[in-house]
Protein backbone atom coordinates (compact mmCIF):
# COMPACT_ATOMS: atom_id res chain seq x y z
CA UNK A 1 -18.75 0.68 -139.19
CA UNK A 2 -15.39 -0.89 -138.41
CA UNK A 3 -15.16 1.04 -135.11
CA UNK A 4 -18.45 -0.88 -133.75
CA UNK A 5 -16.77 -3.72 -133.99
CA UNK A 6 -13.30 -2.78 -132.50
CA UNK A 7 -12.56 -4.23 -128.94
CA UNK A 8 -9.21 -2.98 -126.85
CA UNK A 9 -8.25 -5.81 -124.31
CA UNK A 10 -5.56 -6.22 -121.69
CA UNK A 11 -4.63 -9.72 -121.21
CA UNK A 12 -2.36 -11.46 -118.84
CA UNK A 13 0.30 -13.69 -120.73
CA UNK A 14 3.47 -15.00 -118.65
CA UNK A 15 3.04 -12.64 -115.98
CA UNK A 16 2.82 -9.39 -117.88
CA UNK A 17 -0.70 -7.61 -119.20
CA UNK A 18 -0.51 -7.34 -122.90
CA UNK A 19 -2.62 -5.21 -125.06
CA UNK A 20 -4.59 -6.85 -127.77
CA UNK A 21 -6.93 -4.71 -130.62
CA UNK A 22 -9.65 -6.93 -132.22
CA UNK A 23 -11.98 -6.33 -135.25
CA UNK A 24 -14.35 -8.81 -135.06
CA UNK A 25 -14.99 -12.25 -133.19
CA UNK A 26 -13.17 -15.72 -133.54
CA UNK A 27 -16.52 -17.10 -133.74
CA UNK A 28 -17.53 -15.46 -137.24
CA UNK A 29 -15.28 -17.01 -139.57
CA UNK A 30 -13.20 -20.17 -139.76
CA UNK A 31 -10.38 -17.62 -140.55
CA UNK A 32 -8.62 -14.98 -138.64
CA UNK A 33 -5.96 -12.37 -139.29
CA UNK A 34 -3.27 -12.06 -136.53
CA UNK A 35 -0.74 -8.97 -136.68
CA UNK A 36 2.65 -9.40 -135.06
CA UNK A 37 4.15 -5.96 -134.99
CA UNK A 38 7.86 -4.54 -135.30
CA UNK A 39 9.44 -2.91 -132.74
CA UNK A 40 7.98 -0.38 -130.85
CA UNK A 41 5.44 -3.36 -130.74
CA UNK A 42 2.83 -0.98 -130.04
CA UNK A 43 -0.51 -2.53 -131.89
CA UNK A 44 -2.00 0.55 -131.86
CA UNK A 45 0.25 1.81 -134.53
CA UNK A 46 -1.56 -0.96 -136.78
CA UNK A 47 -5.21 0.43 -136.22
CA UNK A 48 -5.84 2.05 -139.44
CA UNK A 49 -4.20 -0.73 -141.48
CA UNK A 50 -6.34 -3.39 -139.36
CA UNK A 51 -9.63 -1.14 -140.07
CA UNK A 52 -8.66 -1.41 -143.88
CA UNK A 53 -8.46 -5.27 -143.82
CA UNK A 54 -11.28 -5.47 -142.12
CA UNK A 55 -13.31 -3.34 -144.39
CA UNK A 56 -11.88 -5.01 -147.33
CA UNK A 57 -13.03 -8.31 -146.52
CA UNK A 58 -16.61 -7.01 -145.79
CA UNK A 59 -15.97 -7.73 -141.98
CA UNK A 60 -16.26 -11.52 -142.59
CA UNK A 61 -12.74 -12.10 -141.36
CA UNK A 62 -11.31 -10.98 -137.70
CA UNK A 63 -8.54 -9.12 -137.49
CA UNK A 64 -6.73 -9.16 -134.51
CA UNK A 65 -3.00 -7.66 -133.26
CA UNK A 66 -1.05 -8.43 -130.07
CA UNK A 67 1.48 -5.91 -128.64
CA UNK A 68 4.79 -7.17 -127.27
CA UNK A 69 5.14 -7.75 -123.89
CA UNK A 70 5.87 -4.56 -122.03
CA UNK A 71 5.90 -2.21 -124.78
CA UNK A 72 2.46 -0.68 -123.79
CA UNK A 73 1.66 1.38 -120.83
CA UNK A 74 -1.12 -0.51 -118.52
CA UNK A 75 -3.70 1.95 -118.04
CA UNK A 76 -5.33 0.42 -114.61
CA UNK A 77 -2.37 0.27 -112.29
CA UNK A 78 -3.93 -2.14 -110.20
CA UNK A 79 -2.89 -4.64 -113.07
CA UNK A 80 0.52 -5.56 -111.93
CA UNK A 81 3.58 -5.63 -114.09
CA UNK A 82 6.36 -5.50 -111.58
CA UNK A 83 6.28 -9.55 -111.09
CA UNK A 84 6.64 -9.93 -114.61
CA UNK A 85 10.12 -11.84 -115.46
CA UNK A 86 12.50 -9.43 -117.85
CA UNK A 87 13.23 -12.54 -119.85
CA UNK A 88 9.47 -12.30 -121.24
CA UNK A 89 10.40 -8.69 -122.77
CA UNK A 90 13.58 -10.66 -124.52
CA UNK A 91 13.45 -11.55 -128.24
CA UNK A 92 12.94 -14.89 -127.20
CA UNK A 93 10.61 -14.29 -124.65
CA UNK A 94 8.47 -12.31 -127.03
CA UNK A 95 8.11 -15.43 -129.27
CA UNK A 96 6.82 -17.67 -126.35
CA UNK A 97 4.58 -14.68 -125.66
CA UNK A 98 2.86 -14.85 -129.08
CA UNK A 99 3.02 -18.66 -129.07
CA UNK A 100 1.09 -18.71 -125.87
CA UNK A 101 -1.40 -16.34 -127.00
CA UNK A 102 -2.33 -18.43 -130.15
CA UNK A 103 -2.66 -21.85 -128.06
CA UNK A 104 -4.61 -20.11 -125.13
CA UNK A 105 -6.68 -17.33 -127.08
CA UNK A 106 -7.57 -18.36 -130.60
CA UNK A 107 -9.76 -21.60 -130.78
CA UNK A 108 -8.05 -24.53 -132.24
CA UNK A 109 -10.34 -24.65 -135.23
CA UNK A 110 -9.52 -20.98 -136.72
CA UNK A 111 -7.12 -21.02 -139.36
CA UNK A 112 -4.76 -18.36 -139.18
CA UNK A 113 -3.66 -15.46 -141.42
CA UNK A 114 -0.21 -14.06 -140.03
CA UNK A 115 0.85 -10.82 -140.86
CA UNK A 116 4.07 -9.77 -139.72
CA UNK A 117 6.03 -6.23 -139.79
CA UNK A 118 9.80 -5.99 -139.47
CA UNK A 119 10.96 -8.00 -136.37
CA UNK A 120 7.51 -9.36 -136.19
CA UNK A 121 8.48 -11.09 -139.46
CA UNK A 122 11.26 -13.14 -137.62
CA UNK A 123 8.95 -13.80 -134.84
CA UNK A 124 6.39 -15.25 -137.24
CA UNK A 125 9.07 -17.36 -138.82
CA UNK A 126 9.95 -19.03 -135.33
CA UNK A 127 6.29 -19.18 -134.17
CA UNK A 128 5.62 -21.47 -137.20
CA UNK A 129 7.83 -24.23 -135.70
CA UNK A 130 6.05 -24.23 -132.39
CA UNK A 131 2.51 -24.58 -133.27
CA UNK A 132 0.38 -26.87 -135.46
CA UNK A 133 1.62 -25.58 -138.98
CA UNK A 134 -1.86 -26.83 -140.27
CA UNK A 135 -3.53 -24.24 -138.57
CA UNK A 136 -1.70 -21.57 -140.62
CA UNK A 137 -3.04 -20.53 -144.15
CA UNK A 138 -0.58 -17.81 -145.00
CA UNK A 139 1.96 -15.63 -143.96
CA UNK A 140 2.56 -12.24 -145.20
CA UNK A 141 6.13 -10.67 -144.04
CA UNK A 142 5.98 -6.82 -144.80
CA UNK A 143 9.60 -5.36 -144.54
CA UNK A 144 11.08 -8.26 -143.15
CA UNK A 145 13.99 -8.21 -140.75
CA UNK A 146 14.91 -11.69 -140.79
CA UNK A 147 18.64 -11.51 -141.39
CA UNK A 148 22.05 -9.27 -140.90
CA UNK A 149 20.12 -6.60 -138.93
CA UNK A 150 23.50 -5.14 -137.59
CA UNK A 151 24.91 -4.89 -140.75
CA UNK A 152 22.20 -2.99 -142.28
CA UNK A 153 22.65 0.81 -142.64
CA UNK A 154 20.35 1.47 -139.75
CA UNK A 155 21.68 -1.31 -137.74
CA UNK A 156 25.14 -0.01 -138.14
CA UNK A 157 24.09 3.30 -136.44
CA UNK A 158 21.75 1.38 -134.05
CA UNK A 159 24.08 -1.14 -132.89
CA UNK A 160 26.46 0.97 -130.72
CA UNK A 161 23.86 3.37 -129.44
CA UNK A 162 21.66 0.49 -128.23
CA UNK A 163 24.53 -1.18 -126.64
CA UNK A 164 26.26 1.77 -124.94
CA UNK A 165 23.74 4.74 -124.53
CA UNK A 166 20.24 3.02 -123.69
CA UNK A 167 20.54 4.47 -120.31
CA UNK A 168 20.41 7.79 -121.88
CA UNK A 169 17.36 7.45 -123.85
CA UNK A 170 15.84 6.00 -120.49
CA UNK A 171 16.82 9.39 -119.18
CA UNK A 172 15.39 11.61 -121.71
CA UNK A 173 12.03 9.67 -121.52
CA UNK A 174 11.73 9.54 -117.62
CA UNK A 175 12.15 13.45 -117.60
CA UNK A 176 9.54 13.64 -120.38
CA UNK A 177 7.22 11.37 -118.58
CA UNK A 178 6.70 14.23 -115.87
CA UNK A 179 5.29 16.32 -118.87
CA UNK A 180 1.53 16.76 -118.91
CA UNK A 181 -0.29 14.52 -121.62
CA UNK A 182 -1.57 17.50 -123.30
CA UNK A 183 1.99 18.70 -123.46
CA UNK A 184 3.43 15.30 -124.82
CA UNK A 185 0.60 15.07 -127.23
CA UNK A 186 1.65 18.44 -128.60
CA UNK A 187 5.10 17.55 -128.89
CA UNK A 188 3.84 14.80 -131.05
CA UNK A 189 1.87 16.85 -133.27
CA UNK A 190 5.08 18.92 -133.64
CA UNK A 191 7.27 16.10 -134.65
CA UNK A 192 5.05 14.64 -137.43
CA UNK A 193 3.90 18.10 -138.48
CA UNK A 194 3.58 18.33 -142.13
CA UNK A 195 2.62 14.66 -142.55
CA UNK A 196 -0.55 13.08 -143.32
CA UNK A 197 -0.64 10.92 -140.01
CA UNK A 198 -3.57 8.96 -138.69
CA UNK A 199 -4.62 9.65 -135.36
CA UNK A 200 -3.80 6.03 -134.10
CA UNK A 201 0.06 6.91 -134.46
CA UNK A 202 -0.41 9.74 -131.99
CA UNK A 203 -2.23 7.48 -129.55
CA UNK A 204 0.14 4.69 -129.91
CA UNK A 205 3.15 7.36 -129.78
CA UNK A 206 1.95 8.27 -126.27
CA UNK A 207 3.65 5.09 -125.00
CA UNK A 208 6.79 6.23 -125.61
CA UNK A 209 6.88 8.62 -122.80
CA UNK A 210 6.69 5.76 -120.44
CA UNK A 211 10.30 4.67 -119.36
CA UNK A 212 9.18 1.28 -118.63
CA UNK A 213 7.81 0.58 -122.13
CA UNK A 214 10.74 2.74 -123.90
CA UNK A 215 13.39 0.47 -121.81
CA UNK A 216 11.54 -2.80 -123.11
CA UNK A 217 11.62 -1.48 -126.46
CA UNK A 218 15.45 -0.48 -126.35
CA UNK A 219 16.34 -3.87 -124.83
CA UNK A 220 14.47 -5.96 -127.48
CA UNK A 221 15.84 -3.70 -130.09
CA UNK A 222 19.63 -4.61 -128.58
CA UNK A 223 19.16 -8.48 -128.99
CA UNK A 224 17.71 -7.89 -132.32
CA UNK A 225 20.98 -6.52 -133.44
CA UNK A 226 22.72 -9.28 -131.81
CA UNK A 227 20.26 -12.55 -132.46
CA UNK A 228 19.14 -11.66 -136.08
CA UNK A 229 22.26 -12.19 -137.99
CA UNK A 230 22.42 -15.19 -140.43
CA UNK A 231 19.13 -15.88 -142.20
CA UNK A 232 17.93 -19.71 -141.34
CA UNK A 233 17.73 -20.99 -144.45
CA UNK A 234 16.19 -24.39 -143.38
CA UNK A 235 13.46 -22.34 -141.56
CA UNK A 236 12.55 -20.51 -144.62
CA UNK A 237 12.49 -23.53 -146.73
CA UNK A 238 10.27 -25.56 -144.24
CA UNK A 239 7.71 -22.90 -144.33
CA UNK A 240 8.20 -21.35 -147.95
CA UNK A 241 5.04 -22.37 -149.39
CA UNK A 242 3.03 -20.58 -146.97
CA UNK A 243 5.03 -17.30 -146.66
CA UNK A 244 5.01 -14.02 -148.86
CA UNK A 245 7.57 -11.61 -148.40
CA UNK A 246 7.33 -8.05 -149.21
CA UNK A 247 10.75 -6.10 -149.35
CA UNK A 248 11.30 -1.88 -149.73
CA UNK A 249 12.83 -0.39 -152.50
CA UNK A 250 14.75 1.86 -150.17
CA UNK A 251 14.67 0.09 -146.67
CA UNK A 252 17.72 1.15 -144.33
CA UNK A 253 16.48 -1.91 -142.13
CA UNK A 254 16.60 -4.57 -144.89
CA UNK A 255 18.19 -3.11 -147.96
CA UNK A 256 17.21 -4.13 -151.75
CA UNK A 257 20.44 -6.18 -151.96
CA UNK A 258 18.65 -8.49 -149.12
CA UNK A 259 15.63 -9.16 -151.54
CA UNK A 260 18.03 -9.82 -154.38
CA UNK A 261 19.81 -12.61 -152.21
CA UNK A 262 16.47 -13.88 -150.99
CA UNK A 263 15.27 -14.33 -154.73
CA UNK A 264 18.47 -15.97 -155.77
CA UNK A 265 18.47 -18.44 -152.56
CA UNK A 266 14.46 -19.13 -152.80
CA UNK A 267 13.71 -18.80 -156.64
CA UNK A 268 10.40 -20.40 -156.38
CA UNK A 269 9.35 -18.55 -153.07
CA UNK A 270 6.57 -15.64 -153.35
CA UNK A 271 9.14 -12.57 -152.81
CA UNK A 272 8.43 -9.27 -154.29
CA UNK A 273 9.62 -5.73 -154.18
CA UNK A 274 7.63 -2.55 -153.30
CA UNK A 275 7.40 -0.59 -156.35
CA UNK A 276 5.60 2.56 -154.87
CA UNK A 277 8.25 3.73 -152.41
CA UNK A 278 6.65 3.09 -148.91
CA UNK A 279 8.41 3.41 -145.89
CA UNK A 280 9.56 0.47 -143.81
CA UNK A 281 7.41 2.01 -141.25
CA UNK A 282 4.42 1.76 -143.48
CA UNK A 283 1.81 2.41 -140.84
CA UNK A 284 2.68 6.00 -140.56
CA UNK A 285 1.71 7.05 -144.10
CA UNK A 286 0.64 3.78 -146.24
CA UNK A 287 -1.81 1.86 -144.00
CA UNK A 288 -4.49 2.05 -146.35
CA UNK A 289 -2.22 1.13 -149.37
CA UNK A 290 -0.78 -1.71 -147.46
CA UNK A 291 -3.98 -2.98 -146.29
CA UNK A 292 -5.25 -3.11 -150.15
CA UNK A 293 -2.02 -4.98 -150.99
CA UNK A 294 -2.42 -7.52 -148.58
CA UNK A 295 -5.98 -8.01 -149.31
CA UNK A 296 -5.39 -8.43 -152.78
CA UNK A 297 -2.55 -10.82 -152.37
CA UNK A 298 -4.80 -13.08 -150.24
CA UNK A 299 -7.49 -13.64 -152.97
CA UNK A 300 -5.96 -16.28 -155.06
CA UNK A 301 -5.36 -18.25 -151.66
CA UNK A 302 -9.01 -17.88 -150.15
CA UNK A 303 -10.27 -18.96 -153.53
CA UNK A 304 -8.16 -22.01 -153.44
CA UNK A 305 -9.36 -23.08 -149.90
CA UNK A 306 -13.07 -22.60 -150.61
CA UNK A 307 -12.81 -24.19 -153.97
């Protein structure tokens, strides 16, 4: 049933064609979920998660998701991306990219329920300062990378690799890009073998055989390590009433110590620790469960708004 309401679109934003995935229309409700992905910012990874959200609300609240600029292969080669400024694919550029989409493509009278994952949480915090805050009902920050990224266990490994070896990753992908789609897909089946992975993950991962996309993914990741350092406590404080944070119990991008630090700094905030052992990349094996958690989380907010 959800598939009947699904639309996949490419829209021009800041000179680059951007993939948007939609369940439902903006005129069917006064609310709308908007998902800001992590990195890689390929919205197809979140397709199953979006389906669950749309099903849980009985298809009454549209669920939309936007990819990051330059992270998705443009299917129609006539849609030119060569003229796009490389700055659009930077961390700052991606934030402006999302702000423009909200302002230009979502009706002003529609209330937003923002869902961020990983670096998408950092983007949401910045987006809240750029749009009318009255438009936003709630922000769900899932496995948030909003501080000390380079100091995290994964960041300590990724930082030197992203700084010095990005060219090698691009070269490897460039070679793999000459393989047939059939062989590329078989490689993904081998990589994820033994795991219950939704089909949308395989579809999304096919973009990682595109050197242009991988170059942008790594470029943004390198900037994340440099720029997402100290927590902007003033920014969190300003928007805390509308934000809910969900930390992983064993997350090597935002370790449990970051959760305890947040609880100490913001004792009245809605800051929770996962008790189910879900991975940072929850879209691989826990989309259904996280979709249920977010929907349950939202119930009290909607009840208050409708009362």
